[in-house]
Amino acid sequence: MGTTTTTTSLDAGGEDRVMAAAQQIVKSLNTAKEVREDMLLIFSSFDNRLSNITNLIKKDSDSTGVRFDAAEKVILRWDSSSSNPDTSCHSLPWEDSPHEAAEYLSAVDEILKLVVDVSIRSDNEIMDRAEAAVQLAMSRLEDEFRLILIRNTVPLDAEGLYCSIRRVSLSFAVNEGEIDEEFESFGEVDSVRGCFHDRGASLGDDLCVDLINADAVVELKEIADRMIRSGYEKECVQTYSNVRRDALDEYLVILGVEKLSIEEVQKIEWKALDEKMKKWILAIKITVRVLLSGEKRLCDQIFNGFDSIKEICFSETAKGCVMQLLNFGEAVAIGKRSSEKLFRILDMYDVLADALLDLEMMITDEFLCSEAKGVLSGLGEAAKGTFVEFENAVKSEASKKPMQNGEIHPLTRYVMNYVKLLVDYSKTLNLLLESDEDEEDDGLQSEDSELETTTPFAKRLLLLISSLESNLEEKSKLYEDGALHCIFLMNNILYIVQKVKDSELGKLLGDNWVRKRRGQVRQYATNYLRACWMKALYCLKDEGIGGSSNNASKVTLKERFKNFNAFFEEIYRIQTGWKVPDPQLREELRISISEKVIPAYRSFMGRFGSQLESGRNSGKYIKYTPEDLENYLLDLFEGSPLILHHMRRKNS
């Protein structure tokens, strides 16, 4: 009995294996369903173990048909419920029930699984129905894909982003009237008066925002997977790219970036253009570091497992907004060059150079990267050209109206504040000016030898300031008064020195350069004393008086005191109106005058004053004590003309 049971069990197992082998052979022939069934029936006539094959064929066929019918029914049900075009967007599976949405996706999966089955593929009727069902399902999924993308797009919180940005630089404070309104010959200097040049903002490395609600990402991936598996990747990519491209356009609007043609940009007045350039700079940072980074992450999540598709999808999505930003950059690069634009252009160059590194890592589109590099190169050339324009403007500025009180010329203030700001861009300017370095070397021969090995930007700065000094020397010749000529040069050279010394300019130009200019200031002070006070001091000399201090000619003494008083009063009247803004220089000049004049006056008065004091009207000649003169000297160089009305007269 045991042997019989074992034999029966083996026969049953053998029968299963034979049956499976027969089915596999026929299936592999990829023939029509009817032909396969006929072949299996023929096999059964050769081996009694295949006697049950007719029932199995019918059972398998019935099972496949049932599964297909059920799946098709689900797809058709949702299609019929969405047949009204006015309501179709509001009655899709995901809008009604997550459970029904899952049922719909399962139905799609079932049909996709069945259509790869050879037994189905050979049945033309079922294949036609399957293709129709898949086409219908893909149309519905495409609509749903679009709807989920639109409804779950997260609005850009620009204000929140701005709050997340760390302010890193406020510079170029041209305040306290540093640019004179009358200084119209030197470009559009009024445009930067009394304002800051804001270098923009820096984004934190960890700044990250969700562009699509996180819960929707899973649903989007499920739909994308089915569409791609069904061969509808083109429709999927197009739908995704269109929706996200529109979203990025909206984000740019929120960031203040308008769609402008190159011609429109070039017609914008500078003040308005400056605002647009600032917004562009911020938009580049946010677009690349936040928006495109978020789009890249979103593509990676939704199209995970489909590398080529996600690359195409991201490039198509990003291209529109990137090209819009690049077009503005190109318009600025080829626009009219003027000195006030340089800082914004350098800002644009820097931010695009940084963004390009991120773009090249994110975008595989060579055209887009090439366009960005082209705009970057154009901005670099624009910056160099604008810097040259500024250099030429400094050389050629030829205003013939002298500063009435010998004060600092507006050109000096403008140029030094300008170059002080340029130091912030040393790294960029060294890179841009490096190719022009050889052309400028000849101009440095007369300058400090220590600068021969310095940076390209430092050399250009040296040439620029040398041009300014030469221009100031020419302007000083407009003064007929030699003393005022010296005051003017002292004020301006000292201002230059202070701007250099109190900033990074000092490191670029070196201590020796600063010492040389300080020496010039001291020399001009000596020249001032010689030009202004020599005549007054000559009145206090003994030569020509005749006799000793006891029997000197009273007529000559009266003339000497009278002339000295006249010289002093004239100097006082004029030079109280002269302006020396620097308090230390003003004090040093007064001390220098006092050291020359007061001892000489005290000595002369001590030797000869007694001969006049005993006579009538002595106060007419000896008007001032040494202390009076010392006090009056404190009024010089304040910029407010005064007259000595209340003269101290001595009684005879």
Foldseek 3Di string as FASTA:
>chain_A
DVVVVVVVVVLLVVLVVVLVVLLVVLQVVLAALVVSVVSLVVVCVVPVSSVCVVVVSVVVVVVLVVLLVVLLVLLVVLCVVLVPVVCNLCRHPVNPDPVSVVSNLVSLVSLLVSCVRSNQVNPVVSNVSSVVSLVSSLVSLLSVLLSLLQVFFDADPVVVQVVQWDQDDKALQQEPCLFPPVLPLLFPVVLCHRGIDGLATDHDLPDEDARGPPVSLVVLLSSCVSCVSVVNLVSSLVSLLVSLLVSVVVVLVVLVQDQDALVRLQPDDPNVNLVNLNSLLVCLNCCQSYVLVNLLVSLCSSVPPPVVSSQVSSCSNSVPVLVSSLRSLQSVLPHDAEQVCLSSLLSVLVSLVVSLVSCVVRHPPPVSSVSSVVSSVSSLVSNVVNVVVSLVSLLPRDDQDADQQLAADSSLSVVLSSVLVCVVVVVVVLVSCVVVQVVQLVVCPVDDPVLNPATSVLSVVVSSVVSNLVSLLVNLVSDPQLLSSLSNSLNSLVVNLCSCVVGCNCVSNDPVVSVVSVVVSVVSLVSNCCRQCPVLLVLLDPPPQDDFLVDTDPVSVLVSLLVNVVSLQVCLQSQLQHARPDPVVLVVSLVVNLVRPLVSVQVSCVSHVVVLLVDAQSQNRCFDHSVRSSVSSVSGRHNDGDGPPPIHGDGD
